[in-house]
Structures are given as structure tokens and as C-alpha cells.
Amino acid sequence: MSLAEILDPLQQPLVTVLDTPVSWTEVLGFGSGALCVWLVARQHLANWPIGIANNLFFILLFTQAGLYADAGLQIVFITLAAYGWWTWTHGGGPGTSVLPVRRTTRTEWVWLLAAGVVGTAAITLLLSRATDSTVPFWDALTTSLSLMATYGQCRKRLESWWLWIAADVVYIPLYAHKGLYLTSLLYVGFLALCLVGLRNWHRDLTARTSRPVEVAAA
């Protein structure tokens, strides 16, 4: 049995939304994606394996829809998930195994913004010349924003939520334009969960930084 035959059932329509068939792949991507973001907002380690499963479903979905940058992005996400999984359990430094929430430094912002601009331009050019993408710039922009946000998520940077929010604001109409209505709806949910995650991580950061420092007795 070939790989195509194994994957074919996942590509079959499950329901119809607004006269558009919705496949098993999109439904499973919907469920695993929502669970993943909810777990990230709660700083739960299980978000990483759930996220990897979500990436695999979206590779299939985005390839079918002609969103090639987003499909390739999922492979990068899987690599970053492995890094994030390790960092969340080993990046807390001496005396702790838990990585704390921190703010993005000025140096990190400079590198992130530079990488985002260069990445968007390069991916737009690649998609325009090497694929039949009908939305090369928007596909490239969301790819770059998502990579920037994922780096911040791996390092537990508070501002990563703002980058995810910016990406979701573009993703929602983009997926609707490509007929992926359930995925577009999923990203409306992602947007709401990002706001919850931003609030939770901000509370955690505030509580940690406002905690009085214990002074050892002389």
C-alpha cells in the first residue's frame, strides 16, 4: 500500500460548510490546533507533542490548498517544537528546570525584525517565481510572523503572543479566501486564545518580578 493510499481517507470530505467540503485533515487540524494553543496559554508541556501532530495535519491541508510556504513552515515548526520542548524543560538555569516567562530584549527585537523583513521578501520572491501561489506576499508574511512568534514561544518571551495575534489577523481572511472556512474559524479561536495566553503569561511575569527578594540574614 502506497503512502498516498494511506493518506487518502484523511483527504475525504467529512462535512460541508458554506457549500465547501471539509476534510478529515482540516477537522483534525482544527481540534489539535485549538488544544495546542490552549496548552501553551497554560504553559503546559504537552503543547509540544500536540503541536507536532497539528503540524503534520496542516502539511497535508496546506499542500492541497496551494499554500506552499505554510506547508513548508510546518516542517520548520516541528524542528522548533523539538527545540522548544527541550528548552521548556532544561532552560530555566541553575536551581530550576522550569523556563520562566521573560520580555523580549532589544537585541532580540532587532534580529527578529530584520529576519522577518528579509524572510518575507525572500519567500515572496520564491513563491512568485517557483510556484503557482495566488497569494505569495500574504503567504510569506504569515510564514515570517509565525516563525518569529514560535522563536519567542520557545524562549517564553511575552511578546510572542503579539506576533501570533498579528499573524492570526492575516491568517483569518487568507484561509477564508482559499476556501478553508473551518481553518479560518479555527484561527478566530486562536486569536481569542492568544489574548488569553497574553493575559496569563503577563500575570505570571508580573507575579514573579514583583515577588520580594529574600535577603539572607547576616
Protein backbone atom coordinates (compact mmCIF):
# COMPACT_ATOMS: atom_id res chain seq x y z
CA MET A 1 0.00 0.00 0.00
CA SER A 2 1.40 3.39 -1.01
CA LEU A 3 1.61 6.48 1.19
CA ALA A 4 -1.00 8.19 -1.00
CA GLU A 5 -3.45 5.33 -0.37
CA ILE A 6 -2.84 5.53 3.38
CA LEU A 7 -3.45 9.29 3.46
CA ASP A 8 -6.39 9.30 1.07
CA PRO A 9 -9.06 8.71 3.78
CA LEU A 10 -7.89 11.84 5.62
CA GLN A 11 -8.47 13.88 2.48
CA GLN A 12 -12.06 12.73 2.01
CA PRO A 13 -14.89 15.19 2.83
CA LEU A 14 -16.39 14.80 6.29
CA VAL A 15 -18.90 17.68 6.32
CA THR A 16 -19.86 20.60 4.10
CA VAL A 17 -19.56 24.19 5.33
CA LEU A 18 -20.95 27.01 3.15
CA ASP A 19 -21.16 24.59 0.19
CA THR A 20 -17.46 23.75 0.65
CA PRO A 21 -16.41 20.19 1.62
CA VAL A 22 -14.35 19.96 4.81
CA SER A 23 -11.91 17.04 5.01
CA TRP A 24 -10.86 14.89 7.94
CA THR A 25 -7.46 16.59 7.71
CA GLU A 26 -8.96 20.01 8.33
CA VAL A 27 -11.14 18.77 11.19
CA LEU A 28 -8.20 17.04 12.91
CA GLY A 29 -6.06 20.12 12.33
CA PHE A 30 -8.80 22.22 13.91
CA GLY A 31 -9.01 20.07 17.05
CA SER A 32 -5.29 19.55 17.61
CA GLY A 33 -4.51 23.21 16.90
CA ALA A 34 -7.05 24.53 19.38
CA LEU A 35 -5.83 22.11 22.06
CA CYS A 36 -2.21 23.09 21.41
CA VAL A 37 -2.77 26.84 21.81
CA TRP A 38 -4.86 26.28 24.96
CA LEU A 39 -1.99 24.24 26.45
CA VAL A 40 0.57 26.92 25.51
CA ALA A 41 -1.56 29.57 27.24
CA ARG A 42 -1.44 27.40 30.39
CA GLN A 43 2.32 26.79 29.95
CA HIS A 44 1.67 23.03 29.80
CA LEU A 45 4.49 20.93 28.38
CA ALA A 46 2.07 18.71 26.43
CA ASN A 47 1.56 21.55 23.94
CA TRP A 48 4.70 20.44 22.09
CA PRO A 49 3.71 16.85 21.09
CA ILE A 50 0.15 18.00 20.34
CA GLY A 51 1.60 20.80 18.24
CA ILE A 52 3.73 18.36 16.24
CA ALA A 53 0.62 16.31 15.41
CA ASN A 54 -1.11 19.53 14.35
CA ASN A 55 1.82 20.38 12.06
CA LEU A 56 1.56 17.02 10.30
CA PHE A 57 -2.15 17.51 9.59
CA PHE A 58 -1.51 21.00 8.26
CA ILE A 59 1.25 19.83 5.92
CA LEU A 60 -1.38 17.79 4.09
CA LEU A 61 -4.02 20.50 4.24
CA PHE A 62 -1.89 23.39 3.02
CA THR A 63 -0.28 21.37 0.23
CA GLN A 64 -3.76 20.60 -1.11
CA ALA A 65 -4.72 24.29 -0.89
CA GLY A 66 -1.61 25.53 -2.70
CA LEU A 67 -0.29 27.35 0.39
CA TYR A 68 3.22 26.03 -0.13
CA ALA A 69 5.03 28.36 2.26
CA ASP A 70 2.62 27.45 5.04
CA ALA A 71 3.09 23.74 4.24
CA GLY A 72 6.89 24.08 4.39
CA LEU A 73 6.55 26.16 7.54
CA GLN A 74 5.08 23.15 9.34
CA ILE A 75 8.34 21.25 8.87
CA VAL A 76 10.21 24.14 10.47
CA PHE A 77 7.61 24.19 13.26
CA ILE A 78 8.29 20.51 14.00
CA THR A 79 12.01 21.26 14.37
CA LEU A 80 11.31 24.28 16.57
CA ALA A 81 8.86 22.22 18.64
CA ALA A 82 11.65 19.79 19.48
CA TYR A 83 13.82 22.75 20.49
CA GLY A 84 11.01 24.35 22.49
CA TRP A 85 10.21 21.08 24.24
CA TRP A 86 13.83 20.79 25.36
CA THR A 87 14.09 24.48 26.32
CA TRP A 88 10.94 24.45 28.46
CA THR A 89 12.34 21.55 30.49
CA HIS A 90 16.05 22.46 30.58
CA GLY A 91 16.25 26.22 30.04
CA GLY A 92 15.46 27.50 33.50
CA GLY A 93 19.07 27.76 34.55
CA PRO A 94 20.75 26.56 37.76
CA GLY A 95 18.37 25.54 40.53
CA THR A 96 15.24 25.19 38.38
CA SER A 97 14.05 23.05 35.49
CA VAL A 98 11.25 25.44 34.52
CA LEU A 99 11.83 28.19 31.97
CA PRO A 100 10.30 31.46 33.28
CA VAL A 101 8.37 33.99 31.20
CA ARG A 102 10.53 36.96 30.21
CA ARG A 103 10.28 40.02 27.99
CA THR A 104 11.92 40.18 24.58
CA THR A 105 15.19 42.10 24.73
CA ARG A 106 16.05 44.98 22.40
CA THR A 107 18.73 42.89 20.71
CA GLU A 108 16.27 40.07 20.11
CA TRP A 109 13.79 42.53 18.58
CA VAL A 110 16.42 43.85 16.18
CA TRP A 111 17.30 40.36 15.00
CA LEU A 112 13.67 39.23 14.82
CA LEU A 113 12.51 42.25 12.79
CA ALA A 114 15.47 42.02 10.43
CA ALA A 115 14.86 38.30 9.90
CA GLY A 116 11.15 38.96 9.39
CA VAL A 117 11.68 41.57 6.68
CA VAL A 118 14.32 39.54 4.84
CA GLY A 119 12.32 36.34 5.20
CA THR A 120 9.12 37.89 3.88
CA ALA A 121 10.88 39.37 0.85
CA ALA A 122 12.77 36.15 0.06
CA ILE A 123 9.76 33.85 0.42
CA THR A 124 7.56 36.19 -1.63
CA LEU A 125 10.12 36.11 -4.45
CA LEU A 126 10.46 32.33 -4.23
CA LEU A 127 6.70 31.70 -4.30
CA SER A 128 6.17 34.18 -7.15
CA ARG A 129 8.78 32.54 -9.36
CA ALA A 130 8.74 28.87 -8.38
CA THR A 131 5.09 28.08 -7.57
CA ASP A 132 1.56 28.77 -8.74
CA SER A 133 0.68 30.54 -5.47
CA THR A 134 -2.00 33.21 -5.90
CA VAL A 135 -1.12 34.92 -2.61
CA PRO A 136 2.71 34.91 -2.44
CA PHE A 137 3.14 38.02 -0.27
CA TRP A 138 0.48 37.13 2.29
CA ASP A 139 1.68 33.54 2.47
CA ALA A 140 5.23 34.79 3.01
CA LEU A 141 4.19 37.39 5.60
CA THR A 142 2.30 34.90 7.75
CA THR A 143 5.19 32.45 7.45
CA SER A 144 7.67 35.02 8.74
CA LEU A 145 5.42 36.22 11.55
CA SER A 146 4.77 32.65 12.65
CA LEU A 147 8.47 31.82 12.76
CA MET A 148 9.19 34.95 14.80
CA ALA A 149 6.37 34.07 17.18
CA THR A 150 7.49 30.45 17.51
CA TYR A 151 11.01 31.53 18.46
CA GLY A 152 9.52 33.72 21.19
CA GLN A 153 7.27 30.88 22.34
CA CYS A 154 10.26 28.52 22.58
CA ARG A 155 12.05 31.05 24.77
CA LYS A 156 8.85 32.02 26.67
CA ARG A 157 9.01 35.64 25.57
CA LEU A 158 5.83 37.51 26.48
CA GLU A 159 5.71 39.46 23.22
CA SER A 160 5.49 36.25 21.18
CA TRP A 161 1.73 36.47 21.77
CA TRP A 162 1.59 39.84 19.99
CA LEU A 163 3.35 38.30 16.99
CA TRP A 164 0.84 35.42 16.97
CA ILE A 165 -2.02 37.93 17.15
CA ALA A 166 -0.61 39.83 14.15
CA ALA A 167 -0.26 36.58 12.20
CA ASP A 168 -3.80 35.45 13.06
CA VAL A 169 -5.29 38.76 11.89
CA VAL A 170 -3.85 37.96 8.44
CA TYR A 171 -4.49 34.21 8.54
CA ILE A 172 -8.24 34.53 9.13
CA PRO A 173 -9.14 36.27 5.83
CA LEU A 174 -6.38 34.43 3.94
CA TYR A 175 -7.77 30.98 4.72
CA ALA A 176 -11.33 32.12 4.02
CA HIS A 177 -10.12 33.41 0.64
CA LYS A 178 -8.66 29.95 -0.10
CA GLY A 179 -11.92 28.24 0.87
CA LEU A 180 -10.57 26.81 4.14
CA TYR A 181 -13.51 28.07 6.17
CA LEU A 182 -13.10 25.71 9.11
CA THR A 183 -9.41 26.60 9.38
CA SER A 184 -10.30 30.29 9.17
CA LEU A 185 -12.75 29.75 12.03
CA LEU A 186 -10.02 27.89 13.92
CA TYR A 187 -7.80 30.95 13.68
CA VAL A 188 -10.58 33.12 15.10
CA GLY A 189 -10.40 30.77 18.07
CA PHE A 190 -6.60 31.00 18.01
CA LEU A 191 -6.89 34.78 18.19
CA ALA A 192 -9.09 34.54 21.28
CA LEU A 193 -6.72 32.00 22.87
CA CYS A 194 -3.76 34.27 22.11
CA LEU A 195 -5.42 37.04 24.11
CA VAL A 196 -5.92 34.59 26.99
CA GLY A 197 -2.31 33.43 26.70
CA LEU A 198 -1.04 37.01 26.69
CA ARG A 199 -3.03 37.73 29.85
CA ASN A 200 -1.86 34.56 31.61
CA TRP A 201 1.81 35.00 30.74
CA HIS A 202 1.66 38.68 31.73
CA ARG A 203 0.19 37.73 35.11
CA ASP A 204 2.89 35.12 35.60
CA LEU A 205 5.65 37.61 34.71
CA THR A 206 4.19 40.30 36.95
CA ALA A 207 3.83 37.93 39.89
CA ARG A 208 7.40 36.70 39.51
CA THR A 209 9.02 40.13 39.09
CA SER A 210 7.01 41.69 41.94
CA ARG A 211 7.86 38.90 44.38
CA PRO A 212 10.02 40.33 47.20
CA VAL A 213 13.60 39.25 47.14
CA GLU A 214 14.63 37.34 50.24
CA VAL A 215 17.76 38.76 51.86
CA ALA A 216 19.89 36.28 53.69
CA ALA A 217 20.49 37.06 57.33
CA ALA A 218 23.92 38.40 58.08
